[in-house]
């Protein structure tokens, strides 16, 4: 079963004194997590996203489509990246989500809705 692990974090954690070192440590943690997923035989994919300031949101309201600068939600946390993992169930997905390095924020775990006849 596939799960998407969405990394929601406060981008400001990487600003100011110590921000570069924190970013380096966080990225090292992601590299270690990827190595551990491979070692465990867990199929996965994932990507880091550019800062929220680069986002554009397409919104639809009863057929009227509008464009908005920035991320979808009003929040102090932005979607910073994601993993898609294929594990037997939610318990295993949560185990992996707990290992994602997030200095300030959280990880949303959501099942992927399969396309096609199984969905």
PDB file of N, CA and C in Angstrom:
ATOM      1  N   UNK A   1       0.848  -1.175   0.000  1.00  0.00           N
ATOM      2  CA  UNK A   1       0.000   0.000   0.000  1.00  0.00           C
ATOM      3  C   UNK A   1       0.891   1.235   0.000  1.00  0.00           C
ATOM      4  N   UNK A   2       0.562   2.199  -0.829  1.00  0.00           N
ATOM      5  CA  UNK A   2       1.366   3.417  -0.901  1.00  0.00           C
ATOM      6  C   UNK A   2       0.836   4.486   0.048  1.00  0.00           C
ATOM      7  N   UNK A   3       1.776   5.204   0.654  1.00  0.00           N
ATOM      8  CA  UNK A   3       1.470   6.336   1.514  1.00  0.00           C
ATOM      9  C   UNK A   3       2.334   7.511   1.093  1.00  0.00           C
ATOM     10  N   UNK A   4       1.761   8.707   1.136  1.00  0.00           N
ATOM     11  CA  UNK A   4       2.516   9.927   0.898  1.00  0.00           C
ATOM     12  C   UNK A   4       2.821  10.540   2.249  1.00  0.00           C
ATOM     13  N   UNK A   5       4.093  10.828   2.480  1.00  0.00           N
ATOM     14  CA  UNK A   5       4.553  11.462   3.705  1.00  0.00           C
ATOM     15  C   UNK A   5       4.894  12.903   3.342  1.00  0.00           C
ATOM     16  N   UNK A   6       4.006  13.837   3.683  1.00  0.00           N
ATOM     17  CA  UNK A   6       4.175  15.240   3.304  1.00  0.00           C
ATOM     18  C   UNK A   6       4.859  15.997   4.444  1.00  0.00           C
ATOM     19  N   UNK A   7       5.970  16.610   4.129  1.00  0.00           N
ATOM     20  CA  UNK A   7       6.782  17.297   5.125  1.00  0.00           C
ATOM     21  C   UNK A   7       6.350  18.754   5.179  1.00  0.00           C
ATOM     22  N   UNK A   8       5.669  19.119   6.250  1.00  0.00           N
ATOM     23  CA  UNK A   8       5.222  20.496   6.462  1.00  0.00           C
ATOM     24  C   UNK A   8       6.132  21.112   7.512  1.00  0.00           C
ATOM     25  N   UNK A   9       6.861  22.143   7.116  1.00  0.00           N
ATOM     26  CA  UNK A   9       7.822  22.725   8.040  1.00  0.00           C
ATOM     27  C   UNK A   9       7.825  24.231   7.955  1.00  0.00           C
ATOM     28  N   UNK A  10       8.359  24.844   8.986  1.00  0.00           N
ATOM     29  CA  UNK A  10       8.506  26.291   9.053  1.00  0.00           C
ATOM     30  C   UNK A  10       9.834  26.650   8.399  1.00  0.00           C
ATOM     31  N   UNK A  11       9.769  27.237   7.203  1.00  0.00           N
ATOM     32  CA  UNK A  11      10.988  27.569   6.459  1.00  0.00           C
ATOM     33  C   UNK A  11      11.893  28.535   7.215  1.00  0.00           C
ATOM     34  N   UNK A  12      11.332  29.316   8.134  1.00  0.00           N
ATOM     35  CA  UNK A  12      12.138  30.300   8.858  1.00  0.00           C
ATOM     36  C   UNK A  12      13.162  29.628   9.783  1.00  0.00           C
ATOM     37  N   UNK A  13      12.996  28.344  10.056  1.00  0.00           N
ATOM     38  CA  UNK A  13      13.952  27.629  10.902  1.00  0.00           C
ATOM     39  C   UNK A  13      15.349  27.625  10.282  1.00  0.00           C
ATOM     40  N   UNK A  14      15.425  27.792   8.963  1.00  0.00           N
ATOM     41  CA  UNK A  14      16.713  27.746   8.261  1.00  0.00           C
ATOM     42  C   UNK A  14      17.314  29.124   8.028  1.00  0.00           C
ATOM     43  N   UNK A  15      16.673  30.161   8.554  1.00  0.00           N
ATOM     44  CA  UNK A  15      17.175  31.532   8.386  1.00  0.00           C
ATOM     45  C   UNK A  15      18.021  31.923   9.600  1.00  0.00           C
ATOM     46  N   UNK A  16      18.809  32.954   9.430  1.00  0.00           N
ATOM     47  CA  UNK A  16      19.560  33.506  10.550  1.00  0.00           C
ATOM     48  C   UNK A  16      20.744  32.656  10.969  1.00  0.00           C
ATOM     49  N   UNK A  17      21.305  32.985  12.118  1.00  0.00           N
ATOM     50  CA  UNK A  17      22.482  32.264  12.609  1.00  0.00           C
ATOM     51  C   UNK A  17      22.170  30.783  12.817  1.00  0.00           C
ATOM     52  N   UNK A  18      23.023  29.971  12.317  1.00  0.00           N
ATOM     53  CA  UNK A  18      22.835  28.533  12.460  1.00  0.00           C
ATOM     54  C   UNK A  18      21.915  27.913  11.433  1.00  0.00           C
ATOM     55  N   UNK A  19      21.277  28.728  10.606  1.00  0.00           N
ATOM     56  CA  UNK A  19      20.340  28.205   9.615  1.00  0.00           C
ATOM     57  C   UNK A  19      20.997  27.299   8.589  1.00  0.00           C
ATOM     58  N   UNK A  20      22.172  27.703   8.105  1.00  0.00           N
ATOM     59  CA  UNK A  20      22.871  26.893   7.096  1.00  0.00           C
ATOM     60  C   UNK A  20      23.298  25.555   7.689  1.00  0.00           C
ATOM     61  N   UNK A  21      23.770  25.570   8.918  1.00  0.00           N
ATOM     62  CA  UNK A  21      24.185  24.327   9.574  1.00  0.00           C
ATOM     63  C   UNK A  21      22.979  23.422   9.817  1.00  0.00           C
ATOM     64  N   UNK A  22      21.852  24.017  10.200  1.00  0.00           N
ATOM     65  CA  UNK A  22      20.634  23.237  10.413  1.00  0.00           C
ATOM     66  C   UNK A  22      20.170  22.611   9.100  1.00  0.00           C
ATOM     67  N   UNK A  23      20.244  23.371   8.007  1.00  0.00           N
ATOM     68  CA  UNK A  23      19.864  22.834   6.695  1.00  0.00           C
ATOM     69  C   UNK A  23      20.770  21.668   6.317  1.00  0.00           C
ATOM     70  N   UNK A  24      22.063  21.826   6.535  1.00  0.00           N
ATOM     71  CA  UNK A  24      23.011  20.764   6.208  1.00  0.00           C
ATOM     72  C   UNK A  24      22.712  19.503   7.027  1.00  0.00           C
ATOM     73  N   UNK A  25      22.441  19.661   8.314  1.00  0.00           N
ATOM     74  CA  UNK A  25      22.125  18.515   9.170  1.00  0.00           C
ATOM     75  C   UNK A  25      20.812  17.861   8.751  1.00  0.00           C
ATOM     76  N   UNK A  26      19.830  18.671   8.394  1.00  0.00           N
ATOM     77  CA  UNK A  26      18.530  18.140   7.974  1.00  0.00           C
ATOM     78  C   UNK A  26      18.668  17.351   6.681  1.00  0.00           C
ATOM     79  N   UNK A  27      19.408  17.904   5.721  1.00  0.00           N
ATOM     80  CA  UNK A  27      19.615  17.189   4.450  1.00  0.00           C
ATOM     81  C   UNK A  27      20.371  15.884   4.677  1.00  0.00           C
ATOM     82  N   UNK A  28      21.347  15.895   5.588  1.00  0.00           N
ATOM     83  CA  UNK A  28      22.076  14.665   5.915  1.00  0.00           C
ATOM     84  C   UNK A  28      21.110  13.633   6.505  1.00  0.00           C
ATOM     85  N   UNK A  29      20.163  14.095   7.314  1.00  0.00           N
ATOM     86  CA  UNK A  29      19.160  13.194   7.873  1.00  0.00           C
ATOM     87  C   UNK A  29      18.282  12.576   6.807  1.00  0.00           C
ATOM     88  N   UNK A  30      17.945  13.361   5.784  1.00  0.00           N
ATOM     89  CA  UNK A  30      17.140  12.828   4.672  1.00  0.00           C
ATOM     90  C   UNK A  30      17.940  11.807   3.867  1.00  0.00           C
ATOM     91  N   UNK A  31      19.215  12.065   3.670  1.00  0.00           N
ATOM     92  CA  UNK A  31      20.049  11.106   2.940  1.00  0.00           C
ATOM     93  C   UNK A  31      20.139   9.786   3.717  1.00  0.00           C
ATOM     94  N   UNK A  32      20.269   9.869   5.033  1.00  0.00           N
ATOM     95  CA  UNK A  32      20.317   8.669   5.873  1.00  0.00           C
ATOM     96  C   UNK A  32      18.993   7.918   5.799  1.00  0.00           C
ATOM     97  N   UNK A  33      17.883   8.651   5.846  1.00  0.00           N
ATOM     98  CA  UNK A  33      16.572   8.019   5.737  1.00  0.00           C
ATOM     99  C   UNK A  33      16.443   7.280   4.406  1.00  0.00           C
ATOM    100  N   UNK A  34      16.875   7.907   3.317  1.00  0.00           N
ATOM    101  CA  UNK A  34      16.819   7.259   2.001  1.00  0.00           C
ATOM    102  C   UNK A  34      17.661   5.982   1.988  1.00  0.00           C
ATOM    103  N   UNK A  35      18.842   6.037   2.587  1.00  0.00           N
ATOM    104  CA  UNK A  35      19.696   4.838   2.678  1.00  0.00           C
ATOM    105  C   UNK A  35      18.992   3.740   3.470  1.00  0.00           C
ATOM    106  N   UNK A  36      18.335   4.118   4.564  1.00  0.00           N
ATOM    107  CA  UNK A  36      17.627   3.142   5.395  1.00  0.00           C
ATOM    108  C   UNK A  36      16.440   2.530   4.661  1.00  0.00           C
ATOM    109  N   UNK A  37      15.711   3.345   3.886  1.00  0.00           N
ATOM    110  CA  UNK A  37      14.601   2.818   3.091  1.00  0.00           C
ATOM    111  C   UNK A  37      15.103   1.803   2.071  1.00  0.00           C
ATOM    112  N   UNK A  38      16.205   2.119   1.408  1.00  0.00           N
ATOM    113  CA  UNK A  38      16.789   1.193   0.433  1.00  0.00           C
ATOM    114  C   UNK A  38      17.222  -0.092   1.133  1.00  0.00           C
ATOM    115  N   UNK A  39      17.911   0.045   2.268  1.00  0.00           N
ATOM    116  CA  UNK A  39      18.391  -1.130   3.009  1.00  0.00           C
ATOM    117  C   UNK A  39      17.238  -2.014   3.475  1.00  0.00           C
ATOM    118  N   UNK A  40      16.092  -1.400   3.790  1.00  0.00           N
ATOM    119  CA  UNK A  40      14.918  -2.152   4.240  1.00  0.00           C
ATOM    120  C   UNK A  40      14.106  -2.710   3.075  1.00  0.00           C
ATOM    121  N   UNK A  41      14.487  -2.379   1.841  1.00  0.00           N
ATOM    122  CA  UNK A  41      13.755  -2.875   0.674  1.00  0.00           C
ATOM    123  C   UNK A  41      12.415  -2.197   0.466  1.00  0.00           C
ATOM    124  N   UNK A  42      12.256  -0.965   0.977  1.00  0.00           N
ATOM    125  CA  UNK A  42      10.993  -0.228   0.846  1.00  0.00           C
ATOM    126  C   UNK A  42      11.027   0.588  -0.441  1.00  0.00           C
ATOM    127  N   UNK A  43      10.145   0.296  -1.413  1.00  0.00           N
ATOM    128  CA  UNK A  43      10.080   1.137  -2.606  1.00  0.00           C
ATOM    129  C   UNK A  43       9.629   2.550  -2.207  1.00  0.00           C
ATOM    130  N   UNK A  44      10.319   3.557  -2.726  1.00  0.00           N
ATOM    131  CA  UNK A  44       9.959   4.932  -2.381  1.00  0.00           C
ATOM    132  C   UNK A  44      10.409   5.890  -3.474  1.00  0.00           C
ATOM    133  N   UNK A  45       9.820   7.082  -3.427  1.00  0.00           N
ATOM    134  CA  UNK A  45      10.287   8.211  -4.223  1.00  0.00           C
ATOM    135  C   UNK A  45      10.101   9.426  -3.339  1.00  0.00           C
ATOM    136  N   UNK A  46      10.731  10.508  -3.712  1.00  0.00           N
ATOM    137  CA  UNK A  46      10.586  11.729  -2.925  1.00  0.00           C
ATOM    138  C   UNK A  46      11.349  12.864  -3.560  1.00  0.00           C
ATOM    139  N   UNK A  47      10.970  14.054  -3.206  1.00  0.00           N
ATOM    140  CA  UNK A  47      11.615  15.243  -3.733  1.00  0.00           C
ATOM    141  C   UNK A  47      11.567  16.360  -2.711  1.00  0.00           C
ATOM    142  N   UNK A  48      12.565  17.216  -2.770  1.00  0.00           N
ATOM    143  CA  UNK A  48      12.580  18.454  -2.009  1.00  0.00           C
ATOM    144  C   UNK A  48      11.918  19.513  -2.887  1.00  0.00           C
ATOM    145  N   UNK A  49      11.145  20.388  -2.280  1.00  0.00           N
ATOM    146  CA  UNK A  49      10.472  21.443  -3.034  1.00  0.00           C
ATOM    147  C   UNK A  49      11.169  22.781  -2.822  1.00  0.00           C
ATOM    148  N   UNK A  50      11.050  23.670  -3.803  1.00  0.00           N
ATOM    149  CA  UNK A  50      11.581  25.022  -3.653  1.00  0.00           C
ATOM    150  C   UNK A  50      10.724  25.767  -2.629  1.00  0.00           C
ATOM    151  N   UNK A  51      11.217  26.903  -2.088  1.00  0.00           N
ATOM    152  CA  UNK A  51      10.480  27.621  -1.037  1.00  0.00           C
ATOM    153  C   UNK A  51       9.055  27.991  -1.443  1.00  0.00           C
ATOM    154  N   UNK A  52       8.205  28.156  -0.433  1.00  0.00           N
ATOM    155  CA  UNK A  52       6.792  28.460  -0.651  1.00  0.00           C
ATOM    156  C   UNK A  52       6.594  29.727  -1.470  1.00  0.00           C
ATOM    157  N   UNK A  53       7.519  30.663  -1.387  1.00  0.00           N
ATOM    158  CA  UNK A  53       7.398  31.916  -2.142  1.00  0.00           C
ATOM    159  C   UNK A  53       7.389  31.677  -3.650  1.00  0.00           C
ATOM    160  N   UNK A  54       7.847  30.512  -4.098  1.00  0.00           N
ATOM    161  CA  UNK A  54       7.858  30.210  -5.535  1.00  0.00           C
ATOM    162  C   UNK A  54       6.554  29.553  -5.995  1.00  0.00           C
ATOM    163  N   UNK A  55       5.638  29.290  -5.072  1.00  0.00           N
ATOM    164  CA  UNK A  55       4.404  28.558  -5.394  1.00  0.00           C
ATOM    165  C   UNK A  55       3.360  29.453  -6.039  1.00  0.00           C
ATOM    166  N   UNK A  56       2.542  28.849  -6.864  1.00  0.00           N
ATOM    167  CA  UNK A  56       1.328  29.461  -7.402  1.00  0.00           C
ATOM    168  C   UNK A  56       0.213  28.451  -7.174  1.00  0.00           C
ATOM    169  N   UNK A  57      -0.919  28.910  -6.682  1.00  0.00           N
ATOM    170  CA  UNK A  57      -2.048  28.032  -6.418  1.00  0.00           C
ATOM    171  C   UNK A  57      -3.158  28.312  -7.423  1.00  0.00           C
ATOM    172  N   UNK A  58      -3.691  27.253  -8.007  1.00  0.00           N
ATOM    173  CA  UNK A  58      -4.831  27.335  -8.909  1.00  0.00           C
ATOM    174  C   UNK A  58      -6.052  26.930  -8.090  1.00  0.00           C
ATOM    175  N   UNK A  59      -7.001  27.842  -7.933  1.00  0.00           N
ATOM    176  CA  UNK A  59      -8.207  27.574  -7.155  1.00  0.00           C
ATOM    177  C   UNK A  59      -9.415  27.566  -8.073  1.00  0.00           C
ATOM    178  N   UNK A  60     -10.364  26.694  -7.741  1.00  0.00           N
ATOM    179  CA  UNK A  60     -11.578  26.579  -8.533  1.00  0.00           C
ATOM    180  C   UNK A  60     -12.780  26.723  -7.608  1.00  0.00           C
ATOM    181  N   UNK A  61     -13.747  27.528  -8.053  1.00  0.00           N
ATOM    182  CA  UNK A  61     -14.968  27.727  -7.277  1.00  0.00           C
ATOM    183  C   UNK A  61     -16.151  27.712  -8.239  1.00  0.00           C
ATOM    184  N   UNK A  62     -16.811  26.555  -8.336  1.00  0.00           N
ATOM    185  CA  UNK A  62     -17.969  26.404  -9.219  1.00  0.00           C
ATOM    186  C   UNK A  62     -17.697  26.855 -10.648  1.00  0.00           C
ATOM    187  N   UNK A  63     -16.568  26.418 -11.194  1.00  0.00           N
ATOM    188  CA  UNK A  63     -16.242  26.718 -12.581  1.00  0.00           C
ATOM    189  C   UNK A  63     -15.401  27.969 -12.787  1.00  0.00           C
ATOM    190  N   UNK A  64     -15.268  28.803 -11.781  1.00  0.00           N
ATOM    191  CA  UNK A  64     -14.407  29.984 -11.881  1.00  0.00           C
ATOM    192  C   UNK A  64     -13.027  29.612 -11.354  1.00  0.00           C
ATOM    193  N   UNK A  65     -12.017  29.746 -12.209  1.00  0.00           N
ATOM    194  CA  UNK A  65     -10.655  29.385 -11.840  1.00  0.00           C
ATOM    195  C   UNK A  65      -9.842  30.655 -11.662  1.00  0.00           C
ATOM    196  N   UNK A  66      -9.126  30.739 -10.539  1.00  0.00           N
ATOM    197  CA  UNK A  66      -8.273  31.896 -10.264  1.00  0.00           C
ATOM    198  C   UNK A  66      -6.882  31.414  -9.865  1.00  0.00           C
ATOM    199  N   UNK A  67      -5.902  32.291 -10.100  1.00  0.00           N
ATOM    200  CA  UNK A  67      -4.517  32.007  -9.721  1.00  0.00           C
ATOM    201  C   UNK A  67      -4.130  32.884  -8.544  1.00  0.00           C
ATOM    202  N   UNK A  68      -3.355  32.314  -7.625  1.00  0.00           N
ATOM    203  CA  UNK A  68      -2.921  33.038  -6.433  1.00  0.00           C
ATOM    204  C   UNK A  68      -1.439  32.786  -6.198  1.00  0.00           C
ATOM    205  N   UNK A  69      -0.714  33.824  -5.833  1.00  0.00           N
ATOM    206  CA  UNK A  69       0.684  33.648  -5.460  1.00  0.00           C
ATOM    207  C   UNK A  69       0.758  32.916  -4.139  1.00  0.00           C
ATOM    208  N   UNK A  70       1.740  32.047  -4.019  1.00  0.00           N
ATOM    209  CA  UNK A  70       1.992  31.388  -2.751  1.00  0.00           C
ATOM    210  C   UNK A  70       1.264  30.072  -2.589  1.00  0.00           C
ATOM    211  N   UNK A  71       1.485  29.455  -1.419  1.00  0.00           N
ATOM    212  CA  UNK A  71       0.892  28.144  -1.155  1.00  0.00           C
ATOM    213  C   UNK A  71      -0.602  28.241  -0.894  1.00  0.00           C
ATOM    214  N   UNK A  72      -1.248  27.102  -0.870  1.00  0.00           N
ATOM    215  CA  UNK A  72      -2.706  27.008  -0.741  1.00  0.00           C
ATOM    216  C   UNK A  72      -3.216  27.529   0.594  1.00  0.00           C
ATOM    217  N   UNK A  73      -2.609  27.111   1.695  1.00  0.00           N
ATOM    218  CA  UNK A  73      -3.166  27.382   3.021  1.00  0.00           C
ATOM    219  C   UNK A  73      -2.499  28.579   3.693  1.00  0.00           C
ATOM    220  N   UNK A  74      -3.258  29.243   4.535  1.00  0.00           N
ATOM    221  CA  UNK A  74      -2.711  30.280   5.404  1.00  0.00           C
ATOM    222  C   UNK A  74      -2.063  29.558   6.581  1.00  0.00           C
ATOM    223  N   UNK A  75      -0.751  29.565   6.629  1.00  0.00           N
ATOM    224  CA  UNK A  75      -0.064  28.813   7.668  1.00  0.00           C
ATOM    225  C   UNK A  75       1.360  29.304   7.817  1.00  0.00           C
ATOM    226  N   UNK A  76       1.989  28.927   8.905  1.00  0.00           N
ATOM    227  CA  UNK A  76       3.405  29.242   9.100  1.00  0.00           C
ATOM    228  C   UNK A  76       4.273  28.068   8.687  1.00  0.00           C
ATOM    229  N   UNK A  77       3.651  26.999   8.238  1.00  0.00           N
ATOM    230  CA  UNK A  77       4.380  25.845   7.751  1.00  0.00           C
ATOM    231  C   UNK A  77       4.090  25.685   6.266  1.00  0.00           C
ATOM    232  N   UNK A  78       5.112  25.293   5.537  1.00  0.00           N
ATOM    233  CA  UNK A  78       4.975  25.111   4.097  1.00  0.00           C
ATOM    234  C   UNK A  78       5.291  23.666   3.751  1.00  0.00           C
ATOM    235  N   UNK A  79       4.733  23.191   2.641  1.00  0.00           N
ATOM    236  CA  UNK A  79       5.073  21.864   2.151  1.00  0.00           C
ATOM    237  C   UNK A  79       6.487  21.940   1.612  1.00  0.00           C
ATOM    238  N   UNK A  80       7.424  21.299   2.301  1.00  0.00           N
ATOM    239  CA  UNK A  80       8.834  21.388   1.938  1.00  0.00           C
ATOM    240  C   UNK A  80       9.310  20.241   1.083  1.00  0.00           C
ATOM    241  N   UNK A  81       8.590  19.140   1.083  1.00  0.00           N
ATOM    242  CA  UNK A  81       8.989  17.984   0.303  1.00  0.00           C
ATOM    243  C   UNK A  81       8.075  16.822   0.643  1.00  0.00           C
ATOM    244  N   UNK A  82       8.384  15.659   0.068  1.00  0.00           N
ATOM    245  CA  UNK A  82       7.526  14.504   0.290  1.00  0.00           C
ATOM    246  C   UNK A  82       8.273  13.228  -0.021  1.00  0.00           C
ATOM    247  N   UNK A  83       7.775  12.162   0.527  1.00  0.00           N
ATOM    248  CA  UNK A  83       8.172  10.809   0.165  1.00  0.00           C
ATOM    249  C   UNK A  83       6.891  10.063  -0.181  1.00  0.00           C
ATOM    250  N   UNK A  84       6.976   9.167  -1.136  1.00  0.00           N
ATOM    251  CA  UNK A  84       5.915   8.201  -1.381  1.00  0.00           C
ATOM    252  C   UNK A  84       6.556   6.849  -1.129  1.00  0.00           C
ATOM    253  N   UNK A  85       6.010   6.120  -0.159  1.00  0.00           N
ATOM    254  CA  UNK A  85       6.565   4.818   0.198  1.00  0.00           C
ATOM    255  C   UNK A  85       5.518   3.745  -0.011  1.00  0.00           C
ATOM    256  N   UNK A  86       5.978   2.531  -0.248  1.00  0.00           N
ATOM    257  CA  UNK A  86       5.080   1.396  -0.445  1.00  0.00           C
ATOM    258  C   UNK A  86       5.360   0.400   0.679  1.00  0.00           C
ATOM    259  N   UNK A  87       4.483   0.376   1.666  1.00  0.00           N
ATOM    260  CA  UNK A  87       4.631  -0.479   2.844  1.00  0.00           C
ATOM    261  C   UNK A  87       3.327  -1.228   3.087  1.00  0.00           C
ATOM    262  N   UNK A  88       3.345  -2.258   3.951  1.00  0.00           N
ATOM    263  CA  UNK A  88       2.125  -3.052   4.165  1.00  0.00           C
ATOM    264  C   UNK A  88       0.935  -2.288   4.740  1.00  0.00           C
ATOM    265  N   UNK A  89       1.173  -1.255   5.561  1.00  0.00           N
ATOM    266  CA  UNK A  89       0.032  -0.576   6.157  1.00  0.00           C
ATOM    267  C   UNK A  89       0.418   0.699   6.879  1.00  0.00           C
ATOM    268  N   UNK A  90      -0.574   1.317   7.535  1.00  0.00           N
ATOM    269  CA  UNK A  90      -0.394   2.596   8.197  1.00  0.00           C
ATOM    270  C   UNK A  90       0.655   2.546   9.301  1.00  0.00           C
ATOM    271  N   UNK A  91       0.684   1.489  10.080  1.00  0.00           N
ATOM    272  CA  UNK A  91       1.655   1.413  11.173  1.00  0.00           C
ATOM    273  C   UNK A  91       3.083   1.545  10.660  1.00  0.00           C
ATOM    274  N   UNK A  92       3.391   0.856   9.569  1.00  0.00           N
ATOM    275  CA  UNK A  92       4.733   0.941   8.989  1.00  0.00           C
ATOM    276  C   UNK A  92       4.992   2.336   8.418  1.00  0.00           C
ATOM    277  N   UNK A  93       3.974   2.929   7.786  1.00  0.00           N
ATOM    278  CA  UNK A  93       4.131   4.287   7.241  1.00  0.00           C
ATOM    279  C   UNK A  93       4.424   5.274   8.360  1.00  0.00           C
ATOM    280  N   UNK A  94       3.739   5.132   9.490  1.00  0.00           N
ATOM    281  CA  UNK A  94       3.976   6.026  10.619  1.00  0.00           C
ATOM    282  C   UNK A  94       5.371   5.833  11.202  1.00  0.00           C
ATOM    283  N   UNK A  95       5.849   4.595  11.224  1.00  0.00           N
ATOM    284  CA  UNK A  95       7.211   4.344  11.707  1.00  0.00           C
ATOM    285  C   UNK A  95       8.228   5.111  10.867  1.00  0.00           C
ATOM    286  N   UNK A  96       8.057   5.071   9.544  1.00  0.00           N
ATOM    287  CA  UNK A  96       8.987   5.789   8.670  1.00  0.00           C
ATOM    288  C   UNK A  96       8.802   7.297   8.799  1.00  0.00           C
ATOM    289  N   UNK A  97       7.580   7.763   8.923  1.00  0.00           N
ATOM    290  CA  UNK A  97       7.321   9.203   9.049  1.00  0.00           C
ATOM    291  C   UNK A  97       7.991   9.776  10.293  1.00  0.00           C
ATOM    292  N   UNK A  98       8.013   9.016  11.379  1.00  0.00           N
ATOM    293  CA  UNK A  98       8.662   9.480  12.612  1.00  0.00           C
ATOM    294  C   UNK A  98      10.155   9.724  12.421  1.00  0.00           C
ATOM    295  N   UNK A  99      10.747   9.106  11.424  1.00  0.00           N
ATOM    296  CA  UNK A  99      12.191   9.219  11.190  1.00  0.00           C
ATOM    297  C   UNK A  99      12.567  10.381  10.278  1.00  0.00           C
ATOM    298  N   UNK A 100      11.603  11.067   9.715  1.00  0.00           N
ATOM    299  CA  UNK A 100      11.894  12.179   8.809  1.00  0.00           C
ATOM    300  C   UNK A 100      12.380  13.372   9.631  1.00  0.00           C
ATOM    301  N   UNK A 101      13.558  13.910   9.300  1.00  0.00           N
ATOM    302  CA  UNK A 101      14.063  15.054  10.049  1.00  0.00           C
ATOM    303  C   UNK A 101      13.309  16.337   9.709  1.00  0.00           C
ATOM    304  N   UNK A 102      12.626  16.893  10.693  1.00  0.00           N
ATOM    305  CA  UNK A 102      11.888  18.146  10.540  1.00  0.00           C
ATOM    306  C   UNK A 102      12.198  18.996  11.773  1.00  0.00           C
ATOM    307  N   UNK A 103      13.055  20.024  11.617  1.00  0.00           N
ATOM    308  CA  UNK A 103      13.421  20.838  12.780  1.00  0.00           C
ATOM    309  C   UNK A 103      12.229  21.514  13.457  1.00  0.00           C
ATOM    310  N   UNK A 104      11.287  22.007  12.676  1.00  0.00           N
ATOM    311  CA  UNK A 104      10.101  22.668  13.235  1.00  0.00           C
ATOM    312  C   UNK A 104       8.949  22.439  12.274  1.00  0.00           C
ATOM    313  N   UNK A 105       8.014  21.556  12.639  1.00  0.00           N
ATOM    314  CA  UNK A 105       6.886  21.273  11.759  1.00  0.00           C
ATOM    315  C   UNK A 105       6.354  19.872  11.991  1.00  0.00           C
ATOM    316  N   UNK A 106       5.815  19.263  10.962  1.00  0.00           N
ATOM    317  CA  UNK A 106       5.235  17.936  11.089  1.00  0.00           C
ATOM    318  C   UNK A 106       5.212  17.213   9.767  1.00  0.00           C
ATOM    319  N   UNK A 107       4.780  15.972   9.806  1.00  0.00           N
ATOM    320  CA  UNK A 107       4.689  15.139   8.612  1.00  0.00           C
ATOM    321  C   UNK A 107       3.267  14.583   8.547  1.00  0.00           C
ATOM    322  N   UNK A 108       2.561  14.900   7.476  1.00  0.00           N
ATOM    323  CA  UNK A 108       1.224  14.345   7.252  1.00  0.00           C
ATOM    324  C   UNK A 108       1.371  13.035   6.491  1.00  0.00           C
ATOM    325  N   UNK A 109       0.732  11.996   6.984  1.00  0.00           N
ATOM    326  CA  UNK A 109       0.772  10.682   6.344  1.00  0.00           C
ATOM    327  C   UNK A 109      -0.609  10.412   5.766  1.00  0.00           C
ATOM    328  N   UNK A 110      -0.631  10.174   4.463  1.00  0.00           N
ATOM    329  CA  UNK A 110      -1.922   9.971   3.810  1.00  0.00           C
ATOM    330  C   UNK A 110      -1.824   8.822   2.800  1.00  0.00           C
ATOM    331  N   UNK A 111      -2.792   7.877   2.818  1.00  0.00           N
ATOM    332  CA  UNK A 111      -2.782   6.807   1.825  1.00  0.00           C
ATOM    333  C   UNK A 111      -2.972   7.375   0.418  1.00  0.00           C
ATOM    334  N   UNK A 112      -2.303   6.757  -0.537  1.00  0.00           N
ATOM    335  CA  UNK A 112      -2.458   7.136  -1.933  1.00  0.00           C
ATOM    336  C   UNK A 112      -3.655   6.372  -2.488  1.00  0.00           C
ATOM    337  N   UNK A 113      -4.517   7.080  -3.182  1.00  0.00           N
ATOM    338  CA  UNK A 113      -5.690   6.469  -3.797  1.00  0.00           C
ATOM    339  C   UNK A 113      -5.258   5.919  -5.154  1.00  0.00           C
ATOM    340  N   UNK A 114      -5.223   4.608  -5.314  1.00  0.00           N
ATOM    341  CA  UNK A 114      -4.732   4.045  -6.581  1.00  0.00           C
ATOM    342  C   UNK A 114      -5.659   4.394  -7.750  1.00  0.00           C
ATOM    343  N   UNK A 115      -5.036   4.612  -8.885  1.00  0.00           N
ATOM    344  CA  UNK A 115      -5.790   4.880 -10.111  1.00  0.00           C
ATOM    345  C   UNK A 115      -6.238   3.547 -10.709  1.00  0.00           C
ATOM    346  N   UNK A 116      -7.271   3.564 -11.490  1.00  0.00           N
ATOM    347  CA  UNK A 116      -7.703   2.364 -12.195  1.00  0.00           C
ATOM    348  C   UNK A 116      -8.764   1.582 -11.443  1.00  0.00           C
ATOM    349  N   UNK A 117      -8.930   0.304 -11.806  1.00  0.00           N
ATOM    350  CA  UNK A 117     -10.026  -0.492 -11.273  1.00  0.00           C
ATOM    351  C   UNK A 117      -9.961  -0.712  -9.753  1.00  0.00           C
ATOM    352  N   UNK A 118      -8.737  -0.710  -9.165  1.00  0.00           N
ATOM    353  CA  UNK A 118      -8.636  -0.929  -7.715  1.00  0.00           C
ATOM    354  C   UNK A 118      -9.064   0.283  -6.924  1.00  0.00           C
ATOM    355  N   UNK A 119      -9.012   1.486  -7.529  1.00  0.00           N
ATOM    356  CA  UNK A 119      -9.295   2.726  -6.825  1.00  0.00           C
ATOM    357  C   UNK A 119     -10.749   2.939  -6.636  1.00  0.00           C
TER     358      UNK A 119
END
